[in-house]
């Protein structure tokens, strides 16, 4: 059996409640500086014009990697922190500005004629997320979510621009549009006219985590030292910049699932909608099994004792009716894993309803 370590989480923690309330600056009434408004409005116009069939910027998905993760939020919403990687050639400046617009592809957007008035770039739209002033004959395209972001340009290990932010939406299929451009960073003497606007688009499927069926969040498969316990719950701005923060725990996702034998691999996820005999306490078992993959197929390598989440193992105050959620958090040392590629099988069993869900994830162990 593999020896594991489990962390302590804030006992009253409800995932994404704080995050969701902080995901929109507009909801908090944060005023933009004039230069920020001036940089955001052309991006919002670019998306709106494209959706109405009159855009001059052609959307692309080349050189772009979007990695969303899904967590049950509040009031029927799903919290979606994401990491976006862009080709470094798209931004020449040291800072960048983005406008995110998410639309239901089933909603028909009126295609207007070229001679009709375009969206106004009036500087009075000084609250992020507020609609710019428009011609009264023209309604703005309906959105599921929209917001603007400013960020420093940072490169990942492969030399791509990478940043993380978040959005929220009910379960469903959506078209995501992101207009990106270099930012002056507040330098009013800097001329952005030569900085092109890039329109990125992709389709995302947000799972319905509110249908009452046993399910789980996206799973973090990352290094144990990539998990940080904060001394206090971060403020709204910190959450915007670090969307993979849950209560007092911050997690750095690892999108390349390659580990060294000298590391511990952490597996973290949330279990949603378990059954309960008393209405308050679940009875869930979680098993982790490891299989070595090879040219002939795969063979069983090891497993851990099932993790139990029930009245005997959970805190006395745990109550499903209060929104408390099952947090599965294990840490597996890899020193006994020979270098190879493995399949991790995670089996979640609701012992009340006898429903079982199985999830699989591949990872590689190298000698180091």
Protein backbone atom coordinates (compact mmCIF):
# COMPACT_ATOMS: atom_id res chain seq x y z
CA UNK A 1 0.00 0.00 0.00
CA UNK A 2 1.12 3.56 -0.70
CA UNK A 3 1.44 5.79 2.36
CA UNK A 4 -0.45 9.06 2.02
CA UNK A 5 -0.69 12.35 3.87
CA UNK A 6 -3.88 14.38 4.16
CA UNK A 7 -4.01 18.12 4.81
CA UNK A 8 -6.40 19.99 7.06
CA UNK A 9 -8.80 22.37 5.28
CA UNK A 10 -10.96 25.09 6.76
CA UNK A 11 -13.79 23.03 8.26
CA UNK A 12 -16.57 25.42 7.29
CA UNK A 13 -15.17 25.88 3.81
CA UNK A 14 -17.62 26.20 0.92
CA UNK A 15 -15.78 26.17 -2.41
CA UNK A 16 -15.94 29.24 -4.63
CA UNK A 17 -18.43 31.28 -2.60
CA UNK A 18 -15.84 33.98 -1.91
CA UNK A 19 -14.30 33.51 -5.32
CA UNK A 20 -17.55 33.92 -7.16
CA UNK A 21 -18.38 37.11 -5.31
CA UNK A 22 -14.98 38.46 -6.32
CA UNK A 23 -14.95 37.31 -9.93
CA UNK A 24 -16.42 40.51 -11.32
CA UNK A 25 -14.97 43.90 -10.58
CA UNK A 26 -18.17 45.43 -11.88
CA UNK A 27 -20.16 43.71 -9.16
CA UNK A 28 -18.00 45.46 -6.61
CA UNK A 29 -18.35 48.88 -8.25
CA UNK A 30 -14.61 49.29 -8.85
CA UNK A 31 -13.98 52.44 -10.82
CA UNK A 32 -11.55 52.31 -13.72
CA UNK A 33 -8.98 54.94 -14.45
CA UNK A 34 -9.49 56.74 -17.76
CA UNK A 35 -6.60 54.93 -19.45
CA UNK A 36 -8.00 51.55 -18.41
CA UNK A 37 -11.41 52.38 -19.79
CA UNK A 38 -9.86 53.64 -23.02
CA UNK A 39 -8.00 50.35 -23.46
CA UNK A 40 -10.95 48.09 -22.63
CA UNK A 41 -13.64 49.68 -24.83
CA UNK A 42 -11.95 48.83 -28.19
CA UNK A 43 -11.66 45.20 -27.08
CA UNK A 44 -15.33 45.00 -26.14
CA UNK A 45 -16.22 46.68 -29.46
CA UNK A 46 -14.09 44.18 -31.38
CA UNK A 47 -16.03 41.24 -29.94
CA UNK A 48 -19.44 42.89 -30.35
CA UNK A 49 -18.72 43.85 -33.94
CA UNK A 50 -17.55 40.36 -34.82
CA UNK A 51 -20.65 38.78 -33.33
CA UNK A 52 -22.82 41.11 -35.42
CA UNK A 53 -21.01 40.12 -38.59
CA UNK A 54 -19.14 43.32 -39.23
CA UNK A 55 -15.84 42.72 -37.52
CA UNK A 56 -12.50 43.45 -39.14
CA UNK A 57 -10.60 41.09 -36.82
CA UNK A 58 -10.78 37.38 -37.62
CA UNK A 59 -10.81 35.16 -34.53
CA UNK A 60 -8.15 32.48 -34.15
CA UNK A 61 -7.41 29.52 -31.92
CA UNK A 62 -3.87 28.93 -33.17
CA UNK A 63 -1.09 29.37 -30.66
CA UNK A 64 -3.65 29.34 -27.86
CA UNK A 65 -4.19 26.77 -25.13
CA UNK A 66 -7.13 27.20 -22.76
CA UNK A 67 -7.20 24.95 -19.69
CA UNK A 68 -10.42 25.39 -17.70
CA UNK A 69 -11.25 23.65 -14.43
CA UNK A 70 -14.76 23.28 -13.01
CA UNK A 71 -15.99 23.68 -9.43
CA UNK A 72 -19.49 23.94 -8.01
CA UNK A 73 -20.23 27.51 -7.04
CA UNK A 74 -23.38 29.09 -5.65
CA UNK A 75 -26.93 29.70 -6.94
CA UNK A 76 -26.68 27.26 -9.81
CA UNK A 77 -23.38 28.63 -11.07
CA UNK A 78 -20.16 26.75 -11.85
CA UNK A 79 -16.89 28.47 -10.97
CA UNK A 80 -14.38 28.13 -13.82
CA UNK A 81 -10.80 29.19 -13.11
CA UNK A 82 -8.74 28.89 -16.27
CA UNK A 83 -5.18 29.21 -17.47
CA UNK A 84 -4.58 30.65 -20.92
CA UNK A 85 -1.31 30.24 -22.82
CA UNK A 86 -0.58 32.49 -25.80
CA UNK A 87 2.18 32.69 -28.35
CA UNK A 88 4.65 35.28 -27.06
CA UNK A 89 4.70 37.01 -30.44
CA UNK A 90 1.15 38.28 -29.89
CA UNK A 91 2.15 40.82 -27.24
CA UNK A 92 5.20 43.09 -27.52
CA UNK A 93 4.48 45.13 -24.39
CA UNK A 94 5.31 44.18 -20.79
CA UNK A 95 1.65 44.43 -19.80
CA UNK A 96 -1.57 43.25 -21.42
CA UNK A 97 -5.29 43.95 -21.37
CA UNK A 98 -8.04 41.39 -22.07
CA UNK A 99 -11.80 41.40 -22.47
CA UNK A 100 -13.61 38.11 -21.95
CA UNK A 101 -17.06 37.58 -23.45
CA UNK A 102 -18.99 34.32 -23.16
CA UNK A 103 -22.14 33.71 -25.16
CA UNK A 104 -24.64 30.90 -25.53
CA UNK A 105 -24.25 29.67 -29.13
CA UNK A 106 -27.99 28.97 -29.25
CA UNK A 107 -28.84 32.67 -28.82
CA UNK A 108 -29.37 34.42 -32.13
CA UNK A 109 -27.49 37.70 -32.42
CA UNK A 110 -28.90 40.20 -34.87
CA UNK A 111 -26.58 40.85 -37.81
CA UNK A 112 -26.66 44.58 -38.47
CA UNK A 113 -25.89 46.40 -41.68
CA UNK A 114 -22.63 48.24 -42.18
CA UNK A 115 -24.35 51.63 -42.37
CA UNK A 116 -25.83 51.26 -38.89
CA UNK A 117 -24.06 52.93 -36.04
CA UNK A 118 -21.38 50.96 -34.22
CA UNK A 119 -21.03 50.69 -30.50
CA UNK A 120 -19.94 53.97 -29.04
CA UNK A 121 -16.53 54.21 -27.42
CA UNK A 122 -17.84 56.74 -24.94
CA UNK A 123 -15.47 57.16 -21.97
CA UNK A 124 -18.43 57.36 -19.62
CA UNK A 125 -18.48 53.55 -19.31
CA UNK A 126 -16.10 53.78 -16.40
CA UNK A 127 -17.04 50.65 -14.49
CA UNK A 128 -15.54 47.37 -15.61
CA UNK A 129 -18.22 45.10 -17.01
CA UNK A 130 -20.66 47.99 -17.65
CA UNK A 131 -22.02 48.26 -21.17
CA UNK A 132 -20.57 51.16 -23.21
CA UNK A 133 -23.08 53.68 -24.46
CA UNK A 134 -24.72 52.39 -27.63
CA UNK A 135 -26.96 53.70 -30.31
CA UNK A 136 -30.56 53.43 -29.01
CA UNK A 137 -31.55 51.36 -32.08
CA UNK A 138 -28.98 48.70 -31.25
CA UNK A 139 -28.98 46.36 -28.27
CA UNK A 140 -25.67 44.91 -27.02
CA UNK A 141 -25.11 41.20 -27.69
CA UNK A 142 -26.41 39.07 -24.79
CA UNK A 143 -23.65 37.51 -22.71
CA UNK A 144 -23.51 34.78 -20.12
CA UNK A 145 -20.43 36.41 -18.59
CA UNK A 146 -18.16 39.28 -19.51
CA UNK A 147 -15.32 41.02 -17.77
CA UNK A 148 -12.04 42.82 -18.40
CA UNK A 149 -8.61 42.08 -16.99
CA UNK A 150 -5.21 43.73 -16.83
CA UNK A 151 -2.07 41.68 -16.26
CA UNK A 152 1.68 41.80 -16.44
CA UNK A 153 3.12 39.66 -19.24
CA UNK A 154 4.75 36.58 -17.76
CA UNK A 155 6.20 33.59 -19.62
CA UNK A 156 5.94 29.94 -18.66
CA UNK A 157 8.71 27.34 -18.98
CA UNK A 158 8.00 26.88 -22.70
CA UNK A 159 8.28 30.59 -23.47
CA UNK A 160 4.54 31.23 -23.88
CA UNK A 161 2.59 34.04 -22.26
CA UNK A 162 0.53 32.51 -19.48
CA UNK A 163 -2.03 33.91 -17.07
CA UNK A 164 -4.95 32.67 -14.99
CA UNK A 165 -8.33 34.24 -14.36
CA UNK A 166 -11.88 32.91 -13.83
CA UNK A 167 -15.46 33.16 -14.98
CA UNK A 168 -18.76 31.70 -13.82
CA UNK A 169 -21.70 30.24 -15.73
CA UNK A 170 -24.45 27.65 -15.36
CA UNK A 171 -23.82 24.24 -16.88
CA UNK A 172 -23.97 24.34 -20.67
CA UNK A 173 -22.07 24.75 -23.94
CA UNK A 174 -20.69 28.22 -24.62
CA UNK A 175 -18.60 30.13 -27.14
CA UNK A 176 -15.79 32.01 -25.43
CA UNK A 177 -14.29 35.12 -27.01
CA UNK A 178 -11.22 36.82 -25.62
CA UNK A 179 -9.85 40.03 -27.12
CA UNK A 180 -6.22 40.59 -26.16
CA UNK A 181 -3.85 43.46 -26.71
CA UNK A 182 -0.73 44.98 -25.22
CA UNK A 183 -1.34 47.57 -22.50
CA UNK A 184 0.37 50.84 -21.78
CA UNK A 185 0.30 49.97 -18.09
CA UNK A 186 -0.84 53.51 -17.36
CA UNK A 187 1.87 55.27 -19.37
CA UNK A 188 -0.27 57.93 -21.08
CA UNK A 189 2.58 58.79 -23.47
CA UNK A 190 2.71 55.26 -24.85
CA UNK A 191 1.12 54.86 -28.28
CA UNK A 192 -0.88 51.61 -28.58
CA UNK A 193 -2.01 52.24 -32.16
CA UNK A 194 0.62 49.85 -33.51
CA UNK A 195 -0.35 47.12 -31.04
CA UNK A 196 -2.77 44.75 -32.80
CA UNK A 197 -5.91 43.35 -31.20
CA UNK A 198 -6.01 39.55 -31.27
CA UNK A 199 -9.41 37.88 -31.03
CA UNK A 200 -9.27 34.37 -29.61
CA UNK A 201 -12.20 31.99 -29.61
CA UNK A 202 -12.98 28.50 -28.41
CA UNK A 203 -15.99 26.45 -27.31
CA UNK A 204 -16.24 25.27 -23.71
CA UNK A 205 -18.59 22.76 -22.12
CA UNK A 206 -19.37 23.61 -18.50
CA UNK A 207 -20.66 20.55 -16.62
CA UNK A 208 -23.94 20.82 -14.73
CA UNK A 209 -22.85 20.24 -11.14
CA UNK A 210 -26.27 21.23 -9.80
CA UNK A 211 -28.37 18.38 -11.20
CA UNK A 212 -28.34 16.43 -7.94
CA UNK A 213 -26.30 13.57 -9.39
CA UNK A 214 -23.09 12.35 -7.81
CA UNK A 215 -20.18 14.08 -9.51
CA UNK A 216 -16.80 15.64 -8.81
CA UNK A 217 -14.86 18.77 -9.61
CA UNK A 218 -11.91 18.84 -11.95
CA UNK A 219 -9.04 17.08 -10.23
CA UNK A 220 -5.75 18.69 -9.35
CA UNK A 221 -2.84 16.34 -10.05
CA UNK A 222 0.09 18.43 -8.92
CA UNK A 223 3.18 18.49 -6.72
CA UNK A 224 2.66 18.50 -2.99
CA UNK A 225 4.84 21.59 -2.62
CA UNK A 226 2.58 23.44 -5.10
CA UNK A 227 -0.09 23.69 -2.39
CA UNK A 228 0.13 26.64 -0.03
CA UNK A 229 -1.85 27.19 3.16
CA UNK A 230 -2.49 30.91 3.60
CA UNK A 231 -2.58 32.62 6.98
CA UNK A 232 -5.88 34.26 6.10
CA UNK A 233 -8.51 34.32 3.36
CA UNK A 234 -7.21 36.60 0.57
CA UNK A 235 -8.96 39.75 -0.54
CA UNK A 236 -10.90 40.16 -3.78
CA UNK A 237 -8.02 41.52 -5.87
CA UNK A 238 -5.72 38.70 -4.77
CA UNK A 239 -8.42 36.19 -5.71
CA UNK A 240 -8.76 37.73 -9.16
CA UNK A 241 -5.05 37.29 -9.75
CA UNK A 242 -4.92 33.84 -8.13
CA UNK A 243 -8.18 32.11 -9.04
CA UNK A 244 -6.97 28.67 -7.93
CA UNK A 245 -7.49 29.71 -4.31
CA UNK A 246 -10.05 27.85 -2.23
CA UNK A 247 -10.71 29.21 1.23
CA UNK A 248 -7.26 29.46 2.80
CA UNK A 249 -5.62 27.05 0.33
CA UNK A 250 -3.87 28.09 -2.89
CA UNK A 251 -3.04 25.47 -5.51
CA UNK A 252 -0.70 25.75 -8.48
CA UNK A 253 -2.00 23.39 -11.19
CA UNK A 254 0.50 21.22 -13.04
CA UNK A 255 -0.57 20.84 -16.66
CA UNK A 256 2.45 18.71 -17.55
CA UNK A 257 1.83 15.60 -15.41
CA UNK A 258 5.51 14.67 -15.12
CA UNK A 259 6.99 14.09 -11.67
CA UNK A 260 10.34 13.06 -10.24
CA UNK A 261 10.83 10.10 -7.93
CA UNK A 262 11.94 12.65 -5.31
CA UNK A 263 8.51 14.36 -5.32
CA UNK A 264 5.18 13.78 -3.66
CA UNK A 265 2.18 13.86 -5.96
CA UNK A 266 -0.90 15.59 -4.60
CA UNK A 267 -4.41 14.64 -5.72
CA UNK A 268 -7.13 17.12 -4.75
CA UNK A 269 -10.76 17.38 -5.79
CA UNK A 270 -14.28 17.92 -4.44
CA UNK A 271 -17.19 15.48 -4.40
CA UNK A 272 -20.62 16.97 -5.08
CA UNK A 273 -24.21 15.84 -4.50
CA UNK A 274 -23.63 12.74 -2.35
CA UNK A 275 -26.56 10.94 -0.80
CA UNK A 276 -27.25 11.16 2.92
CA UNK A 277 -29.34 9.10 5.30
CA UNK A 278 -29.84 11.93 7.79
CA UNK A 279 -29.81 14.80 5.27
CA UNK A 280 -26.60 16.24 6.74
CA UNK A 281 -23.83 13.65 6.57
CA UNK A 282 -22.59 11.77 3.49
CA UNK A 283 -21.15 8.28 3.33
CA UNK A 284 -18.60 8.25 0.52
CA UNK A 285 -15.57 6.07 -0.18
CA UNK A 286 -12.75 7.13 -2.50
CA UNK A 287 -10.21 4.62 -3.80
CA UNK A 288 -7.01 5.34 -5.72
CA UNK A 289 -5.30 2.65 -7.78
CA UNK A 290 -2.16 2.93 -9.90
CA UNK A 291 -1.48 1.01 -13.12
CA UNK A 292 1.79 0.91 -15.07
CA UNK A 293 1.34 1.53 -18.80
CA UNK A 294 3.55 -0.27 -21.32
CA UNK A 295 3.60 -1.43 -24.94
CA UNK A 296 1.53 -4.50 -24.07
CA UNK A 297 -1.11 -2.53 -22.24
CA UNK A 298 -1.02 -1.98 -18.50
CA UNK A 299 -0.69 -3.83 -15.23
CA UNK A 300 -1.71 -3.14 -11.66
CA UNK A 301 1.04 -1.46 -9.61
CA UNK A 302 -0.36 -0.34 -6.27
CA UNK A 303 -3.26 1.27 -4.47
CA UNK A 304 -4.13 3.03 -1.23
CA UNK A 305 -6.64 2.17 1.44
CA UNK A 306 -10.01 3.73 0.59
CA UNK A 307 -10.58 7.21 2.00
CA UNK A 308 -13.80 7.33 3.97
CA UNK A 309 -16.01 10.39 4.36
CA UNK A 310 -18.82 9.68 6.82
CA UNK A 311 -20.13 10.53 10.28
CA UNK A 312 -17.11 8.91 11.93
CA UNK A 313 -14.42 10.67 9.88
CA UNK A 314 -15.86 14.14 9.16
CA UNK A 315 -15.91 17.07 11.57
CA UNK A 316 -18.84 17.20 13.95
CA UNK A 317 -20.07 20.40 12.33
CA UNK A 318 -20.10 19.00 8.79
CA UNK A 319 -23.52 19.65 7.26
CA UNK A 320 -24.47 19.22 3.61
CA UNK A 321 -27.42 21.57 4.08
CA UNK A 322 -24.96 24.37 4.90
CA UNK A 323 -23.06 23.83 1.67
CA UNK A 324 -20.15 21.92 3.20
CA UNK A 325 -18.36 19.83 0.59
CA UNK A 326 -16.23 16.72 0.63
CA UNK A 327 -12.59 17.61 0.00
CA UNK A 328 -10.47 14.69 -1.20
CA UNK A 329 -6.84 15.55 -0.53
CA UNK A 330 -4.07 12.95 -0.69
CA UNK A 331 -0.32 13.17 -1.04
CA UNK A 332 1.52 10.18 -2.49
CA UNK A 333 5.34 9.79 -2.28
CA UNK A 334 6.77 8.65 -5.60
CA UNK A 335 10.11 7.25 -4.39
CA UNK A 336 8.75 3.69 -4.74
CA UNK A 337 7.44 4.31 -8.28
CA UNK A 338 9.85 3.07 -10.97
CA UNK A 339 10.23 5.55 -13.86
CA UNK A 340 7.31 4.89 -16.18
CA UNK A 341 3.95 6.20 -17.33
CA UNK A 342 1.04 5.41 -15.04
CA UNK A 343 -2.73 5.54 -15.06
CA UNK A 344 -4.32 6.77 -11.87
CA UNK A 345 -7.81 5.37 -11.39
CA UNK A 346 -9.99 7.21 -8.89
CA UNK A 347 -13.18 5.48 -7.84
CA UNK A 348 -15.79 7.53 -5.94
CA UNK A 349 -18.54 5.43 -4.34
CA UNK A 350 -21.67 6.85 -2.73
CA UNK A 351 -22.49 4.18 -0.14
CA UNK A 352 -25.98 5.64 0.41
CA UNK A 353 -27.18 5.43 -3.21
CA UNK A 354 -24.70 2.71 -4.32
CA UNK A 355 -23.66 4.94 -7.23
CA UNK A 356 -20.06 4.81 -8.41
CA UNK A 357 -18.06 7.23 -10.54
CA UNK A 358 -14.64 6.37 -12.01
CA UNK A 359 -12.08 8.93 -13.18
CA UNK A 360 -8.73 8.32 -14.88
CA UNK A 361 -5.62 10.44 -15.26
CA UNK A 362 -2.22 9.58 -16.74
CA UNK A 363 1.07 10.81 -15.29
CA UNK A 364 4.75 10.09 -15.77
CA UNK A 365 7.47 9.47 -13.20
CA UNK A 366 11.11 10.23 -14.05
CA UNK A 367 14.25 9.34 -12.10
CA UNK A 368 15.50 12.43 -10.31
